[in-house]
Every structure is written in C-alpha cells, then in structure tokens.
Amino acid sequence: MMQIHLAVLFLLAMLAIPRLSAAALNWSRRKPKPKRAKKGWRRTKKGWERLDLPPDAPLRVGVTFRPNECSRKTRSGDFLSVHYTGTLYSDDKEFDSSISRQEPFVFQIGREKMIDGWERGLMRMCIGEKRRLVIPSDLAYGTVGAFGSESGKVKPGATIVYEVELLDILDEEEAAPHMVWGL
C-alpha cells in the first residue's frame, strides 16, 4: 500500500515539474504591469498627483480640534482673528500662511469680503477651535486663480485646503488696527 502511494506521488511530481518550470519561465519574461491610477489621482513626471475636486463639489469642513468649553460661536458680522495655512489640494504645496508671517489675520465674516469657502466654513466656530477646509474652486478663486503671499500661485480651477485656528472674536475697536485691505 505504501509503495502505491509513493508511486502516485512520484507520478504527480513528474507531471507538475514541467508546468512549474514553464510558468516560472513565463513569469520571468513578463513586464510588470504599469500601476493604474486610483480614482482622483494621476501620474505625472514628478510622481502621483491628486486631482482637484470638481468645481461644483461641496465644501468639506473637518474639525481637527474642539475646545472643551465654548462660550460663544462665530456668527455673521463678527471680527475674527485667525491663524491659517493654505495649501493646494493637488500637491500639498503651501501658497499662503499667517503663521509664517507671525501675525494673525483679522477680518469680518459674513460680509462677502472673503472667499465663500471661508464664509461658510468658519461659521459657528469656537475660540481655540481648529478646522480643515477643503474648498473646491467655485467656493475659492474660481476660473481666475490667485497669487499667494508665499511661494506661489493658486492656478485657475484649483481646489485649496486651509488649516484654520480661531484665535479670538474681536469687537470692532479691537479689530480696526489689525484690519488688512478693509476686510
């Protein structure tokens, strides 16, 4: 009985060896398949790049830090003091930052003086709260684009990302010396 089992195993092994060696030869000759882009990404000479969101995509608001206590939330007409960093969604390149200038940005919200993404994304925010805003071009700089104060330009149709921290809600007298460009 043992001899029959050994004979069967030997025959099976002899039949499998040519197939294994042929498969190994074919495998070694095959070229690797090019990596396919995941949805929302494209391959460039510099590597993978994330595609901008469609212009009419909704605003994405993420709370990255929420303080334990919130005595007052922002509302239309408030003067806000914030620190922010703006980056391009496609390649994470920074185009503007109040932190690098070491001066908070002060502006009035709800008076249509800021991009719509900020007007909507910073409402009902608590002092000390941090948010990440992913803003499609229709709610940002649209088909025109913009120049940032740091290393570059926001191209037309670009989706942008802002990391924003609300430092304070100011009254008009406190805000006046800090206001830039009448914002």
N, C-alpha and C. Protein backbone atom coordinates (compact mmCIF):
# COMPACT_ATOMS: atom_id res chain seq x y z
N MET A 1 0.82 -1.18 0.00
CA MET A 1 0.00 0.00 0.00
C MET A 1 0.87 1.26 0.00
N MET A 2 1.93 1.22 0.82
CA MET A 2 2.83 2.35 0.90
C MET A 2 3.53 2.58 -0.44
N GLN A 3 3.84 1.49 -1.15
CA GLN A 3 4.51 1.63 -2.43
C GLN A 3 3.59 2.29 -3.47
N ILE A 4 2.30 2.02 -3.40
CA ILE A 4 1.35 2.61 -4.33
C ILE A 4 1.27 4.12 -4.10
N HIS A 5 1.22 4.53 -2.83
CA HIS A 5 1.16 5.95 -2.51
C HIS A 5 2.41 6.68 -3.00
N LEU A 6 3.56 6.06 -2.81
CA LEU A 6 4.81 6.67 -3.26
C LEU A 6 4.85 6.78 -4.78
N ALA A 7 4.35 5.76 -5.45
CA ALA A 7 4.33 5.78 -6.90
C ALA A 7 3.40 6.88 -7.43
N VAL A 8 2.25 7.04 -6.80
CA VAL A 8 1.30 8.08 -7.21
C VAL A 8 1.91 9.46 -6.97
N LEU A 9 2.54 9.66 -5.84
CA LEU A 9 3.19 10.94 -5.54
C LEU A 9 4.31 11.22 -6.54
N PHE A 10 5.07 10.19 -6.88
CA PHE A 10 6.16 10.36 -7.85
C PHE A 10 5.61 10.78 -9.22
N LEU A 11 4.53 10.14 -9.66
CA LEU A 11 3.93 10.47 -10.95
C LEU A 11 3.38 11.90 -10.95
N LEU A 12 2.72 12.26 -9.88
CA LEU A 12 2.19 13.62 -9.80
C LEU A 12 3.31 14.66 -9.82
N ALA A 13 4.38 14.37 -9.14
CA ALA A 13 5.52 15.29 -9.11
C ALA A 13 6.13 15.42 -10.50
N MET A 14 6.24 14.33 -11.22
CA MET A 14 6.82 14.36 -12.56
C MET A 14 5.93 15.16 -13.54
N LEU A 15 4.62 15.06 -13.34
CA LEU A 15 3.71 15.81 -14.20
C LEU A 15 3.74 17.32 -13.88
N ALA A 16 3.96 17.66 -12.62
CA ALA A 16 3.90 19.06 -12.21
C ALA A 16 5.18 19.82 -12.53
N ILE A 17 6.33 19.15 -12.56
CA ILE A 17 7.61 19.84 -12.77
C ILE A 17 7.66 20.60 -14.09
N PRO A 18 7.28 20.02 -15.22
CA PRO A 18 7.34 20.80 -16.46
C PRO A 18 6.42 22.03 -16.42
N ARG A 19 5.26 21.89 -15.79
CA ARG A 19 4.33 23.02 -15.72
C ARG A 19 4.90 24.13 -14.83
N LEU A 20 5.49 23.76 -13.73
CA LEU A 20 6.07 24.75 -12.83
C LEU A 20 7.22 25.49 -13.51
N SER A 21 8.08 24.75 -14.20
CA SER A 21 9.23 25.39 -14.82
C SER A 21 8.78 26.29 -15.98
N ALA A 22 7.76 25.89 -16.73
CA ALA A 22 7.25 26.72 -17.81
C ALA A 22 6.60 27.99 -17.24
N ALA A 23 5.87 27.84 -16.15
CA ALA A 23 5.24 29.00 -15.53
C ALA A 23 6.31 29.95 -15.00
N ALA A 24 7.36 29.40 -14.44
CA ALA A 24 8.44 30.24 -13.92
C ALA A 24 9.13 30.99 -15.05
N LEU A 25 9.33 30.33 -16.20
CA LEU A 25 9.97 30.99 -17.33
C LEU A 25 9.09 32.11 -17.87
N ASN A 26 7.80 31.87 -18.00
CA ASN A 26 6.89 32.90 -18.49
C ASN A 26 6.83 34.08 -17.52
N TRP A 27 6.85 33.81 -16.24
CA TRP A 27 6.77 34.87 -15.25
C TRP A 27 8.00 35.77 -15.33
N SER A 28 9.15 35.18 -15.50
CA SER A 28 10.37 35.99 -15.52
C SER A 28 10.46 36.86 -16.78
N ARG A 29 9.76 36.51 -17.84
CA ARG A 29 9.80 37.29 -19.08
C ARG A 29 8.76 38.40 -19.11
N ARG A 30 7.76 38.30 -18.26
CA ARG A 30 6.68 39.29 -18.27
C ARG A 30 7.16 40.63 -17.74
N LYS A 31 6.68 41.67 -18.38
CA LYS A 31 6.97 43.02 -17.90
C LYS A 31 5.97 43.35 -16.80
N PRO A 32 6.41 44.08 -15.81
CA PRO A 32 5.44 44.45 -14.77
C PRO A 32 4.36 45.37 -15.34
N LYS A 33 3.15 45.16 -14.87
CA LYS A 33 2.04 46.00 -15.34
C LYS A 33 2.22 47.40 -14.77
N PRO A 34 1.96 48.40 -15.60
CA PRO A 34 2.04 49.76 -15.06
C PRO A 34 0.95 49.96 -13.99
N LYS A 35 1.31 50.71 -12.96
CA LYS A 35 0.35 50.94 -11.89
C LYS A 35 -0.78 51.81 -12.42
N ARG A 36 -1.98 51.40 -12.09
CA ARG A 36 -3.15 52.17 -12.51
C ARG A 36 -3.42 53.25 -11.47
N ALA A 37 -3.87 54.36 -11.94
CA ALA A 37 -4.19 55.47 -11.05
C ALA A 37 -5.46 55.15 -10.26
N LYS A 38 -5.41 55.44 -8.98
CA LYS A 38 -6.61 55.33 -8.17
C LYS A 38 -7.53 56.48 -8.54
N LYS A 39 -8.79 56.32 -8.27
CA LYS A 39 -9.74 57.37 -8.59
C LYS A 39 -9.32 58.66 -7.86
N GLY A 40 -9.26 59.75 -8.62
CA GLY A 40 -8.89 61.03 -8.03
C GLY A 40 -7.40 61.32 -8.07
N TRP A 41 -6.62 60.46 -8.70
CA TRP A 41 -5.16 60.64 -8.78
C TRP A 41 -4.72 60.52 -10.23
N ARG A 42 -3.56 61.14 -10.56
CA ARG A 42 -2.96 60.95 -11.88
C ARG A 42 -1.44 60.87 -11.72
N ARG A 43 -0.84 60.21 -12.67
CA ARG A 43 0.61 60.05 -12.64
C ARG A 43 1.24 61.17 -13.46
N THR A 44 2.26 61.81 -12.91
CA THR A 44 2.99 62.86 -13.61
C THR A 44 4.47 62.49 -13.62
N LYS A 45 5.28 63.32 -14.26
CA LYS A 45 6.73 63.07 -14.27
C LYS A 45 7.32 63.11 -12.87
N LYS A 46 6.72 63.89 -12.01
CA LYS A 46 7.22 64.02 -10.63
C LYS A 46 6.65 62.97 -9.69
N GLY A 47 5.72 62.17 -10.16
CA GLY A 47 5.10 61.15 -9.31
C GLY A 47 3.59 61.26 -9.37
N TRP A 48 2.93 60.77 -8.34
CA TRP A 48 1.48 60.79 -8.28
C TRP A 48 0.99 62.14 -7.81
N GLU A 49 -0.10 62.60 -8.41
CA GLU A 49 -0.69 63.88 -8.06
C GLU A 49 -2.19 63.69 -7.88
N ARG A 50 -2.71 64.29 -6.82
CA ARG A 50 -4.14 64.21 -6.55
C ARG A 50 -4.86 65.19 -7.49
N LEU A 51 -5.96 64.77 -8.06
CA LEU A 51 -6.74 65.63 -8.95
C LEU A 51 -7.59 66.59 -8.12
N ASP A 52 -7.78 67.79 -8.65
CA ASP A 52 -8.66 68.74 -7.98
C ASP A 52 -10.09 68.22 -7.97
N LEU A 53 -10.85 68.66 -6.99
CA LEU A 53 -12.27 68.29 -6.92
C LEU A 53 -13.02 68.99 -8.05
N PRO A 54 -14.16 68.46 -8.46
CA PRO A 54 -14.97 69.19 -9.45
C PRO A 54 -15.31 70.57 -8.89
N PRO A 55 -15.38 71.59 -9.75
CA PRO A 55 -15.65 72.95 -9.27
C PRO A 55 -16.90 73.09 -8.43
N ASP A 56 -17.92 72.30 -8.73
CA ASP A 56 -19.19 72.41 -8.00
C ASP A 56 -19.30 71.43 -6.83
N ALA A 57 -18.19 70.81 -6.44
CA ALA A 57 -18.21 69.88 -5.31
C ALA A 57 -18.56 70.66 -4.03
N PRO A 58 -19.09 69.96 -3.04
CA PRO A 58 -19.43 70.66 -1.79
C PRO A 58 -18.18 70.99 -0.98
N LEU A 59 -18.29 71.99 -0.13
CA LEU A 59 -17.25 72.36 0.81
C LEU A 59 -17.09 71.23 1.82
N ARG A 60 -15.86 70.89 2.14
CA ARG A 60 -15.59 69.86 3.15
C ARG A 60 -15.02 70.55 4.39
N VAL A 61 -15.70 70.40 5.51
CA VAL A 61 -15.27 71.03 6.75
C VAL A 61 -14.97 69.93 7.76
N GLY A 62 -13.74 69.91 8.25
CA GLY A 62 -13.36 68.94 9.27
C GLY A 62 -12.89 69.68 10.51
N VAL A 63 -13.40 69.29 11.67
CA VAL A 63 -12.95 69.87 12.93
C VAL A 63 -11.77 69.03 13.41
N THR A 64 -10.59 69.65 13.49
CA THR A 64 -9.40 68.91 13.91
C THR A 64 -9.11 69.09 15.40
N PHE A 65 -9.68 70.13 16.00
CA PHE A 65 -9.59 70.32 17.46
C PHE A 65 -10.80 71.12 17.91
N ARG A 66 -11.44 70.64 18.97
CA ARG A 66 -12.60 71.35 19.53
C ARG A 66 -12.33 71.55 21.02
N PRO A 67 -12.35 72.81 21.48
CA PRO A 67 -12.12 73.05 22.91
C PRO A 67 -13.24 72.47 23.77
N ASN A 68 -12.91 72.20 25.03
CA ASN A 68 -13.91 71.63 25.94
C ASN A 68 -15.06 72.58 26.21
N GLU A 69 -14.75 73.87 26.31
CA GLU A 69 -15.78 74.86 26.57
C GLU A 69 -15.89 75.84 25.41
N CYS A 70 -17.11 76.27 25.14
CA CYS A 70 -17.34 77.23 24.06
C CYS A 70 -18.39 78.23 24.54
N SER A 71 -17.91 79.41 24.94
CA SER A 71 -18.83 80.41 25.47
C SER A 71 -19.56 81.15 24.36
N ARG A 72 -18.95 81.20 23.16
CA ARG A 72 -19.57 81.93 22.05
C ARG A 72 -19.07 81.37 20.72
N LYS A 73 -19.99 81.24 19.78
CA LYS A 73 -19.63 80.78 18.44
C LYS A 73 -19.67 81.94 17.46
N THR A 74 -18.89 81.82 16.39
CA THR A 74 -18.86 82.89 15.40
C THR A 74 -20.19 82.99 14.68
N ARG A 75 -20.51 84.22 14.28
CA ARG A 75 -21.73 84.47 13.50
C ARG A 75 -21.45 85.62 12.54
N SER A 76 -22.33 85.82 11.62
CA SER A 76 -22.18 86.84 10.60
C SER A 76 -21.98 88.22 11.24
N GLY A 77 -20.98 88.95 10.75
CA GLY A 77 -20.68 90.28 11.26
C GLY A 77 -19.57 90.31 12.28
N ASP A 78 -19.15 89.15 12.79
CA ASP A 78 -18.07 89.11 13.78
C ASP A 78 -16.72 89.44 13.14
N PHE A 79 -15.85 90.01 13.93
CA PHE A 79 -14.46 90.23 13.52
C PHE A 79 -13.64 89.09 14.10
N LEU A 80 -13.00 88.33 13.23
CA LEU A 80 -12.26 87.14 13.65
C LEU A 80 -10.76 87.36 13.54
N SER A 81 -10.04 86.81 14.48
CA SER A 81 -8.59 86.76 14.43
C SER A 81 -8.21 85.29 14.29
N VAL A 82 -7.54 84.94 13.19
CA VAL A 82 -7.22 83.54 12.90
C VAL A 82 -5.77 83.39 12.48
N HIS A 83 -5.27 82.19 12.68
CA HIS A 83 -4.03 81.76 12.04
C HIS A 83 -4.44 80.71 11.02
N TYR A 84 -3.80 80.72 9.87
CA TYR A 84 -4.16 79.77 8.82
C TYR A 84 -2.94 79.41 8.00
N THR A 85 -3.06 78.28 7.34
CA THR A 85 -2.08 77.85 6.33
C THR A 85 -2.88 77.34 5.15
N GLY A 86 -2.59 77.89 3.97
CA GLY A 86 -3.28 77.49 2.75
C GLY A 86 -2.36 76.64 1.88
N THR A 87 -2.86 75.48 1.44
CA THR A 87 -2.11 74.59 0.56
C THR A 87 -2.97 74.20 -0.63
N LEU A 88 -2.31 73.75 -1.69
CA LEU A 88 -3.02 73.23 -2.85
C LEU A 88 -3.41 71.79 -2.57
N TYR A 89 -4.60 71.43 -2.91
CA TYR A 89 -5.12 70.08 -2.70
C TYR A 89 -4.35 69.06 -3.54
N SER A 90 -3.94 69.45 -4.74
CA SER A 90 -3.33 68.51 -5.67
C SER A 90 -1.94 68.06 -5.24
N ASP A 91 -1.13 68.96 -4.68
CA ASP A 91 0.25 68.57 -4.35
C ASP A 91 0.72 69.02 -2.97
N ASP A 92 -0.18 69.55 -2.16
CA ASP A 92 0.11 69.99 -0.79
C ASP A 92 1.15 71.11 -0.71
N LYS A 93 1.34 71.85 -1.80
CA LYS A 93 2.27 72.98 -1.75
C LYS A 93 1.62 74.15 -1.04
N GLU A 94 2.36 74.73 -0.10
CA GLU A 94 1.85 75.88 0.64
C GLU A 94 1.90 77.12 -0.24
N PHE A 95 0.81 77.88 -0.25
CA PHE A 95 0.79 79.12 -1.03
C PHE A 95 0.60 80.35 -0.15
N ASP A 96 0.18 80.16 1.09
CA ASP A 96 -0.01 81.31 1.98
C ASP A 96 -0.10 80.82 3.42
N SER A 97 0.38 81.66 4.36
CA SER A 97 0.32 81.29 5.76
C SER A 97 0.48 82.53 6.64
N SER A 98 -0.43 82.71 7.57
CA SER A 98 -0.29 83.79 8.54
C SER A 98 0.74 83.40 9.60
N ILE A 99 0.93 82.12 9.78
CA ILE A 99 1.88 81.63 10.79
C ILE A 99 3.31 82.00 10.38
N SER A 100 3.64 81.83 9.10
CA SER A 100 4.99 82.18 8.65
C SER A 100 5.24 83.68 8.74
N ARG A 101 4.20 84.50 8.66
CA ARG A 101 4.34 85.95 8.82
C ARG A 101 4.32 86.35 10.30
N GLN A 102 3.99 85.41 11.16
CA GLN A 102 3.92 85.61 12.60
C GLN A 102 2.94 86.71 12.99
N GLU A 103 1.86 86.79 12.24
CA GLU A 103 0.83 87.77 12.55
C GLU A 103 -0.54 87.19 12.20
N PRO A 104 -1.47 87.17 13.16
CA PRO A 104 -2.80 86.66 12.86
C PRO A 104 -3.48 87.49 11.79
N PHE A 105 -4.38 86.86 11.08
CA PHE A 105 -5.17 87.54 10.05
C PHE A 105 -6.50 87.92 10.69
N VAL A 106 -6.88 89.20 10.56
CA VAL A 106 -8.12 89.71 11.14
C VAL A 106 -9.04 90.15 10.01
N PHE A 107 -10.30 89.73 10.08
CA PHE A 107 -11.28 90.07 9.04
C PHE A 107 -12.67 89.97 9.61
N GLN A 108 -13.63 90.51 8.89
CA GLN A 108 -15.03 90.42 9.28
C GLN A 108 -15.70 89.34 8.44
N ILE A 109 -16.38 88.44 9.11
CA ILE A 109 -17.03 87.33 8.41
C ILE A 109 -18.49 87.67 8.14
N GLY A 110 -19.01 87.12 7.06
CA GLY A 110 -20.43 87.29 6.74
C GLY A 110 -20.74 88.55 5.95
N ARG A 111 -19.74 89.21 5.44
CA ARG A 111 -19.97 90.43 4.66
C ARG A 111 -19.52 90.26 3.21
N GLU A 112 -19.35 89.00 2.81
CA GLU A 112 -18.96 88.63 1.44
C GLU A 112 -17.68 89.32 0.99
N LYS A 113 -16.74 89.47 1.91
CA LYS A 113 -15.44 90.04 1.59
C LYS A 113 -14.37 88.96 1.48
N MET A 114 -14.70 87.76 1.92
CA MET A 114 -13.79 86.62 1.87
C MET A 114 -14.32 85.61 0.84
N ILE A 115 -13.50 84.61 0.51
CA ILE A 115 -13.98 83.57 -0.39
C ILE A 115 -15.13 82.82 0.29
N ASP A 116 -16.05 82.30 -0.50
CA ASP A 116 -17.23 81.63 0.04
C ASP A 116 -16.87 80.45 0.94
N GLY A 117 -15.79 79.75 0.64
CA GLY A 117 -15.36 78.63 1.47
C GLY A 117 -15.06 79.04 2.89
N TRP A 118 -14.47 80.21 3.07
CA TRP A 118 -14.22 80.74 4.41
C TRP A 118 -15.51 81.23 5.03
N GLU A 119 -16.31 81.94 4.26
CA GLU A 119 -17.57 82.48 4.79
C GLU A 119 -18.45 81.37 5.37
N ARG A 120 -18.51 80.25 4.69
CA ARG A 120 -19.33 79.12 5.15
C ARG A 120 -18.60 78.26 6.18
N GLY A 121 -17.31 78.02 5.94
CA GLY A 121 -16.57 77.06 6.75
C GLY A 121 -16.18 77.54 8.13
N LEU A 122 -16.21 78.86 8.37
CA LEU A 122 -15.80 79.38 9.67
C LEU A 122 -16.98 79.84 10.53
N MET A 123 -18.19 79.64 10.06
CA MET A 123 -19.37 79.99 10.86
C MET A 123 -19.54 78.97 11.99
N ARG A 124 -20.07 79.46 13.12
CA ARG A 124 -20.36 78.63 14.29
C ARG A 124 -19.11 77.94 14.82
N MET A 125 -18.00 78.68 14.83
CA MET A 125 -16.72 78.16 15.30
C MET A 125 -16.43 78.73 16.68
N CYS A 126 -15.82 77.93 17.56
CA CYS A 126 -15.48 78.36 18.91
C CYS A 126 -14.05 78.89 18.96
N ILE A 127 -13.77 79.79 19.90
CA ILE A 127 -12.41 80.27 20.09
C ILE A 127 -11.54 79.08 20.50
N GLY A 128 -10.40 78.95 19.83
CA GLY A 128 -9.49 77.82 20.09
C GLY A 128 -9.74 76.63 19.18
N GLU A 129 -10.86 76.63 18.47
CA GLU A 129 -11.19 75.51 17.57
C GLU A 129 -10.31 75.57 16.33
N LYS A 130 -9.99 74.39 15.80
CA LYS A 130 -9.22 74.28 14.56
C LYS A 130 -10.04 73.50 13.54
N ARG A 131 -10.01 74.00 12.31
CA ARG A 131 -10.76 73.33 11.24
C ARG A 131 -9.88 73.17 10.01
N ARG A 132 -10.21 72.14 9.25
CA ARG A 132 -9.57 71.90 7.95
C ARG A 132 -10.66 72.07 6.90
N LEU A 133 -10.47 73.07 6.04
CA LEU A 133 -11.44 73.35 4.98
C LEU A 133 -10.87 72.90 3.64
N VAL A 134 -11.56 72.02 2.96
CA VAL A 134 -11.20 71.62 1.59
C VAL A 134 -12.21 72.32 0.69
N ILE A 135 -11.70 73.29 -0.08
CA ILE A 135 -12.57 74.22 -0.79
C ILE A 135 -12.44 74.03 -2.30
N PRO A 136 -13.49 73.58 -2.98
CA PRO A 136 -13.44 73.47 -4.45
C PRO A 136 -13.39 74.86 -5.08
N SER A 137 -12.98 74.93 -6.33
CA SER A 137 -12.70 76.21 -6.97
C SER A 137 -13.91 77.15 -7.03
N ASP A 138 -15.12 76.64 -7.16
CA ASP A 138 -16.29 77.52 -7.21
C ASP A 138 -16.48 78.29 -5.90
N LEU A 139 -15.98 77.76 -4.79
CA LEU A 139 -16.10 78.42 -3.49
C LEU A 139 -14.78 79.08 -3.09
N ALA A 140 -13.79 79.06 -4.00
CA ALA A 140 -12.47 79.64 -3.72
C ALA A 140 -12.17 80.74 -4.73
N TYR A 141 -11.21 80.49 -5.60
CA TYR A 141 -10.76 81.52 -6.55
C TYR A 141 -11.24 81.27 -7.97
N GLY A 142 -12.09 80.26 -8.16
CA GLY A 142 -12.76 80.02 -9.43
C GLY A 142 -11.85 79.86 -10.63
N THR A 143 -12.28 80.40 -11.75
CA THR A 143 -11.54 80.27 -13.00
C THR A 143 -10.46 81.33 -13.14
N VAL A 144 -10.33 82.20 -12.15
CA VAL A 144 -9.33 83.28 -12.18
C VAL A 144 -8.03 82.86 -11.52
N GLY A 145 -8.13 82.16 -10.39
CA GLY A 145 -6.94 81.82 -9.61
C GLY A 145 -6.54 83.00 -8.74
N ALA A 146 -5.37 82.89 -8.09
CA ALA A 146 -4.92 83.96 -7.20
C ALA A 146 -3.43 83.79 -6.93
N PHE A 147 -2.81 84.87 -6.50
CA PHE A 147 -1.43 84.81 -6.04
C PHE A 147 -1.44 84.73 -4.53
N GLY A 148 -0.64 83.82 -3.99
CA GLY A 148 -0.50 83.73 -2.53
C GLY A 148 0.68 84.57 -2.10
N SER A 149 0.74 84.87 -0.81
CA SER A 149 1.83 85.69 -0.31
C SER A 149 3.11 84.88 -0.17
N GLU A 150 3.00 83.58 -0.15
CA GLU A 150 4.17 82.72 -0.07
C GLU A 150 4.42 82.12 -1.45
N SER A 151 5.32 81.33 -1.58
CA SER A 151 5.90 80.67 -2.75
C SER A 151 5.01 80.28 -3.91
N GLY A 152 4.00 81.01 -4.25
CA GLY A 152 3.34 80.56 -5.45
C GLY A 152 1.96 81.08 -5.70
N LYS A 153 1.41 80.53 -6.69
CA LYS A 153 0.15 80.97 -7.24
C LYS A 153 -0.88 79.86 -7.12
N VAL A 154 -2.11 80.25 -6.95
CA VAL A 154 -3.22 79.30 -6.99
C VAL A 154 -3.74 79.32 -8.42
N LYS A 155 -3.57 78.21 -9.11
CA LYS A 155 -3.96 78.16 -10.52
C LYS A 155 -5.48 78.19 -10.66
N PRO A 156 -5.97 78.63 -11.81
CA PRO A 156 -7.41 78.63 -12.03
C PRO A 156 -7.98 77.22 -11.89
N GLY A 157 -9.13 77.12 -11.27
CA GLY A 157 -9.79 75.82 -11.09
C GLY A 157 -9.22 74.97 -9.97
N ALA A 158 -8.32 75.53 -9.16
CA ALA A 158 -7.66 74.74 -8.12
C ALA A 158 -8.54 74.55 -6.90
N THR A 159 -8.47 73.35 -6.35
CA THR A 159 -9.06 73.07 -5.05
C THR A 159 -8.00 73.43 -4.01
N ILE A 160 -8.40 74.13 -2.96
CA ILE A 160 -7.44 74.55 -1.95
C ILE A 160 -7.84 74.01 -0.58
N VAL A 161 -6.85 73.92 0.29
CA VAL A 161 -7.05 73.42 1.65
C VAL A 161 -6.54 74.47 2.62
N TYR A 162 -7.35 74.81 3.59
CA TYR A 162 -6.93 75.73 4.64
C TYR A 162 -7.02 75.03 5.99
N GLU A 163 -5.95 75.11 6.76
CA GLU A 163 -5.95 74.72 8.16
C GLU A 163 -6.11 76.02 8.92
N VAL A 164 -7.21 76.18 9.66
CA VAL A 164 -7.53 77.45 10.31
C VAL A 164 -7.75 77.24 11.80
N GLU A 165 -7.15 78.14 12.60
CA GLU A 165 -7.39 78.15 14.04
C GLU A 165 -7.99 79.50 14.42
N LEU A 166 -9.13 79.49 15.09
CA LEU A 166 -9.77 80.72 15.55
C LEU A 166 -9.10 81.14 16.86
N LEU A 167 -8.40 82.27 16.80
CA LEU A 167 -7.69 82.77 17.98
C LEU A 167 -8.60 83.60 18.88
N ASP A 168 -9.46 84.42 18.25
CA ASP A 168 -10.30 85.30 19.06
C ASP A 168 -11.44 85.86 18.21
N ILE A 169 -12.52 86.25 18.88
CA ILE A 169 -13.60 87.01 18.26
C ILE A 169 -13.48 88.41 18.86
N LEU A 170 -13.22 89.39 18.00
CA LEU A 170 -12.92 90.74 18.45
C LEU A 170 -14.12 91.66 18.26
N ASP A 171 -14.15 92.76 19.05
CA ASP A 171 -15.13 93.80 18.75
C ASP A 171 -14.49 94.73 17.72
N GLU A 172 -15.27 95.62 17.16
CA GLU A 172 -14.81 96.44 16.05
C GLU A 172 -13.60 97.30 16.42
N GLU A 173 -13.57 97.84 17.63
CA GLU A 173 -12.45 98.68 18.05
C GLU A 173 -11.15 97.88 18.17
N GLU A 174 -11.24 96.66 18.67
CA GLU A 174 -10.06 95.81 18.79
C GLU A 174 -9.56 95.39 17.41
N ALA A 175 -10.47 95.16 16.48
CA ALA A 175 -10.11 94.67 15.15
C ALA A 175 -9.53 95.74 14.25
N ALA A 176 -9.97 96.99 14.42
CA ALA A 176 -9.62 98.07 13.50
C ALA A 176 -8.12 98.20 13.22
N PRO A 177 -7.24 98.19 14.22
CA PRO A 177 -5.81 98.36 13.91
C PRO A 177 -5.21 97.17 13.13
N HIS A 178 -5.87 96.05 13.16
CA HIS A 178 -5.34 94.84 12.53
C HIS A 178 -5.94 94.55 11.16
N MET A 179 -6.96 95.29 10.82
CA MET A 179 -7.67 95.00 9.56
C MET A 179 -6.76 95.29 8.37
N VAL A 180 -6.79 94.38 7.41
CA VAL A 180 -5.97 94.49 6.20
C VAL A 180 -6.90 94.68 5.02
N TRP A 181 -6.60 95.61 4.15
CA TRP A 181 -7.34 95.80 2.90
C TRP A 181 -8.82 96.07 3.11
N GLY A 182 -9.17 96.57 4.27
CA GLY A 182 -10.58 96.88 4.52
C GLY A 182 -11.45 95.64 4.67
N LEU A 183 -10.85 94.50 4.99
CA LEU A 183 -11.62 93.28 5.16
C LEU A 183 -12.22 93.26 6.55
